[in-house]
């Protein structure tokens, strides 16, 4: 199973490596929208770092949104597990031991 997972992950890792090598140049990442040449808040980073961090942020935000949307189903599953446990205990006490 681990080998299959590795084989499926390998193309994505190679693609990420190619993107990183092709985008090694540094760019000015600025948080100051008004100053173009000398921003008050800005730093130089490799372009691939911005791309990878943007993708990672999208994955985290998308996962968080999906997790939040599934809250109703997780709560329902928890309630049903409690009910199953309660009914199992009730069944054990209601049926005589047949030994």
C-alpha atoms as a PDB file:
ATOM      1  CA  UNK A   1       0.000   0.000   0.000  1.00  0.00           C
ATOM      2  CA  UNK A   2       2.819   2.407   0.812  1.00  0.00           C
ATOM      3  CA  UNK A   3       4.477   1.651  -2.514  1.00  0.00           C
ATOM      4  CA  UNK A   4       1.240   2.397  -4.374  1.00  0.00           C
ATOM      5  CA  UNK A   5       0.860   5.652  -2.447  1.00  0.00           C
ATOM      6  CA  UNK A   6       4.434   6.557  -3.362  1.00  0.00           C
ATOM      7  CA  UNK A   7       3.769   5.808  -7.044  1.00  0.00           C
ATOM      8  CA  UNK A   8       0.705   8.056  -7.003  1.00  0.00           C
ATOM      9  CA  UNK A   9       2.532  10.850  -5.184  1.00  0.00           C
ATOM     10  CA  UNK A  10       5.674  10.738  -7.332  1.00  0.00           C
ATOM     11  CA  UNK A  11       4.275  12.662 -10.363  1.00  0.00           C
ATOM     12  CA  UNK A  12       3.088  15.488  -8.098  1.00  0.00           C
ATOM     13  CA  UNK A  13       6.469  15.676  -6.389  1.00  0.00           C
ATOM     14  CA  UNK A  14       8.237  15.796  -9.750  1.00  0.00           C
ATOM     15  CA  UNK A  15       5.872  18.522 -10.947  1.00  0.00           C
ATOM     16  CA  UNK A  16       6.538  20.534  -7.769  1.00  0.00           C
ATOM     17  CA  UNK A  17      10.287  20.140  -8.293  1.00  0.00           C
ATOM     18  CA  UNK A  18      10.010  21.333 -11.902  1.00  0.00           C
ATOM     19  CA  UNK A  19       7.934  24.360 -10.831  1.00  0.00           C
ATOM     20  CA  UNK A  20      10.455  25.202  -8.103  1.00  0.00           C
ATOM     21  CA  UNK A  21      13.423  24.996 -10.471  1.00  0.00           C
ATOM     22  CA  UNK A  22      11.673  27.028 -13.174  1.00  0.00           C
ATOM     23  CA  UNK A  23      10.643  29.787 -10.736  1.00  0.00           C
ATOM     24  CA  UNK A  24      13.776  30.360  -8.669  1.00  0.00           C
ATOM     25  CA  UNK A  25      13.970  34.107  -9.340  1.00  0.00           C
ATOM     26  CA  UNK A  26      13.169  36.365  -6.420  1.00  0.00           C
ATOM     27  CA  UNK A  27      10.207  38.700  -6.485  1.00  0.00           C
ATOM     28  CA  UNK A  28       9.206  41.543  -4.209  1.00  0.00           C
ATOM     29  CA  UNK A  29       6.280  40.476  -2.070  1.00  0.00           C
ATOM     30  CA  UNK A  30       4.687  43.695  -0.879  1.00  0.00           C
ATOM     31  CA  UNK A  31       1.868  44.268   1.565  1.00  0.00           C
ATOM     32  CA  UNK A  32       1.773  47.997   0.745  1.00  0.00           C
ATOM     33  CA  UNK A  33      -0.543  48.574  -2.241  1.00  0.00           C
ATOM     34  CA  UNK A  34       0.312  52.261  -2.674  1.00  0.00           C
ATOM     35  CA  UNK A  35       4.116  52.228  -2.848  1.00  0.00           C
ATOM     36  CA  UNK A  36       5.357  50.370  -5.918  1.00  0.00           C
ATOM     37  CA  UNK A  37       9.120  50.824  -5.670  1.00  0.00           C
ATOM     38  CA  UNK A  38       9.804  51.146  -1.937  1.00  0.00           C
ATOM     39  CA  UNK A  39       7.038  49.488   0.040  1.00  0.00           C
ATOM     40  CA  UNK A  40       6.853  49.965   3.790  1.00  0.00           C
ATOM     41  CA  UNK A  41       6.084  46.283   4.277  1.00  0.00           C
ATOM     42  CA  UNK A  42       7.695  43.985   1.750  1.00  0.00           C
ATOM     43  CA  UNK A  43      10.384  41.378   1.289  1.00  0.00           C
ATOM     44  CA  UNK A  44      11.998  39.410  -1.491  1.00  0.00           C
ATOM     45  CA  UNK A  45      11.216  35.723  -1.763  1.00  0.00           C
ATOM     46  CA  UNK A  46      11.555  33.105  -4.489  1.00  0.00           C
ATOM     47  CA  UNK A  47       8.485  32.959  -6.705  1.00  0.00           C
ATOM     48  CA  UNK A  48       8.013  29.230  -6.107  1.00  0.00           C
ATOM     49  CA  UNK A  49       7.660  29.892  -2.357  1.00  0.00           C
ATOM     50  CA  UNK A  50       4.728  32.211  -3.015  1.00  0.00           C
ATOM     51  CA  UNK A  51       3.145  29.665  -5.356  1.00  0.00           C
ATOM     52  CA  UNK A  52       3.581  26.757  -2.914  1.00  0.00           C
ATOM     53  CA  UNK A  53       2.341  28.770   0.068  1.00  0.00           C
ATOM     54  CA  UNK A  54      -0.705  29.886  -1.927  1.00  0.00           C
ATOM     55  CA  UNK A  55      -1.534  26.287  -2.815  1.00  0.00           C
ATOM     56  CA  UNK A  56      -1.023  25.197   0.802  1.00  0.00           C
ATOM     57  CA  UNK A  57      -3.257  28.003   2.053  1.00  0.00           C
ATOM     58  CA  UNK A  58      -5.955  26.953  -0.417  1.00  0.00           C
ATOM     59  CA  UNK A  59      -5.752  23.351   0.763  1.00  0.00           C
ATOM     60  CA  UNK A  60      -5.995  24.370   4.424  1.00  0.00           C
ATOM     61  CA  UNK A  61      -8.906  26.771   3.844  1.00  0.00           C
ATOM     62  CA  UNK A  62     -10.752  24.252   1.663  1.00  0.00           C
ATOM     63  CA  UNK A  63     -10.253  21.482   4.206  1.00  0.00           C
ATOM     64  CA  UNK A  64     -11.432  23.742   7.003  1.00  0.00           C
ATOM     65  CA  UNK A  65     -14.543  24.722   5.058  1.00  0.00           C
ATOM     66  CA  UNK A  66     -15.355  21.071   4.303  1.00  0.00           C
ATOM     67  CA  UNK A  67     -14.802  20.123   7.956  1.00  0.00           C
ATOM     68  CA  UNK A  68     -17.103  22.927   9.131  1.00  0.00           C
ATOM     69  CA  UNK A  69     -19.795  21.962   6.634  1.00  0.00           C
ATOM     70  CA  UNK A  70     -19.783  18.338   7.851  1.00  0.00           C
ATOM     71  CA  UNK A  71     -20.452  19.324  11.478  1.00  0.00           C
ATOM     72  CA  UNK A  72     -24.106  18.279  11.229  1.00  0.00           C
ATOM     73  CA  UNK A  73     -23.195  14.771  10.080  1.00  0.00           C
ATOM     74  CA  UNK A  74     -20.510  14.300  12.734  1.00  0.00           C
ATOM     75  CA  UNK A  75     -22.982  15.337  15.449  1.00  0.00           C
ATOM     76  CA  UNK A  76     -25.629  12.959  14.066  1.00  0.00           C
ATOM     77  CA  UNK A  77     -23.131  10.072  13.980  1.00  0.00           C
ATOM     78  CA  UNK A  78     -22.131  10.781  17.588  1.00  0.00           C
ATOM     79  CA  UNK A  79     -25.769  10.756  18.725  1.00  0.00           C
ATOM     80  CA  UNK A  80     -26.412   7.493  16.889  1.00  0.00           C
ATOM     81  CA  UNK A  81     -23.337   5.863  18.445  1.00  0.00           C
ATOM     82  CA  UNK A  82     -24.672   6.819  21.881  1.00  0.00           C
ATOM     83  CA  UNK A  83     -28.073   5.389  21.012  1.00  0.00           C
ATOM     84  CA  UNK A  84     -26.547   2.128  19.759  1.00  0.00           C
ATOM     85  CA  UNK A  85     -24.514   1.799  22.949  1.00  0.00           C
ATOM     86  CA  UNK A  86     -27.600   2.455  25.085  1.00  0.00           C
ATOM     87  CA  UNK A  87     -29.718  -0.048  23.159  1.00  0.00           C
ATOM     88  CA  UNK A  88     -26.951  -2.675  23.342  1.00  0.00           C
ATOM     89  CA  UNK A  89     -26.818  -2.345  27.133  1.00  0.00           C
ATOM     90  CA  UNK A  90     -30.600  -2.533  27.308  1.00  0.00           C
ATOM     91  CA  UNK A  91     -30.605  -5.671  25.159  1.00  0.00           C
ATOM     92  CA  UNK A  92     -27.958  -7.328  27.353  1.00  0.00           C
ATOM     93  CA  UNK A  93     -29.999  -6.732  30.500  1.00  0.00           C
ATOM     94  CA  UNK A  94     -33.318  -7.759  28.874  1.00  0.00           C
ATOM     95  CA  UNK A  95     -32.186 -11.130  27.497  1.00  0.00           C
ATOM     96  CA  UNK A  96     -31.469 -13.932  29.972  1.00  0.00           C
ATOM     97  CA  UNK A  97     -28.116 -15.635  29.873  1.00  0.00           C
ATOM     98  CA  UNK A  98     -28.568 -18.958  28.015  1.00  0.00           C
ATOM     99  CA  UNK A  99     -25.807 -21.086  29.460  1.00  0.00           C
END
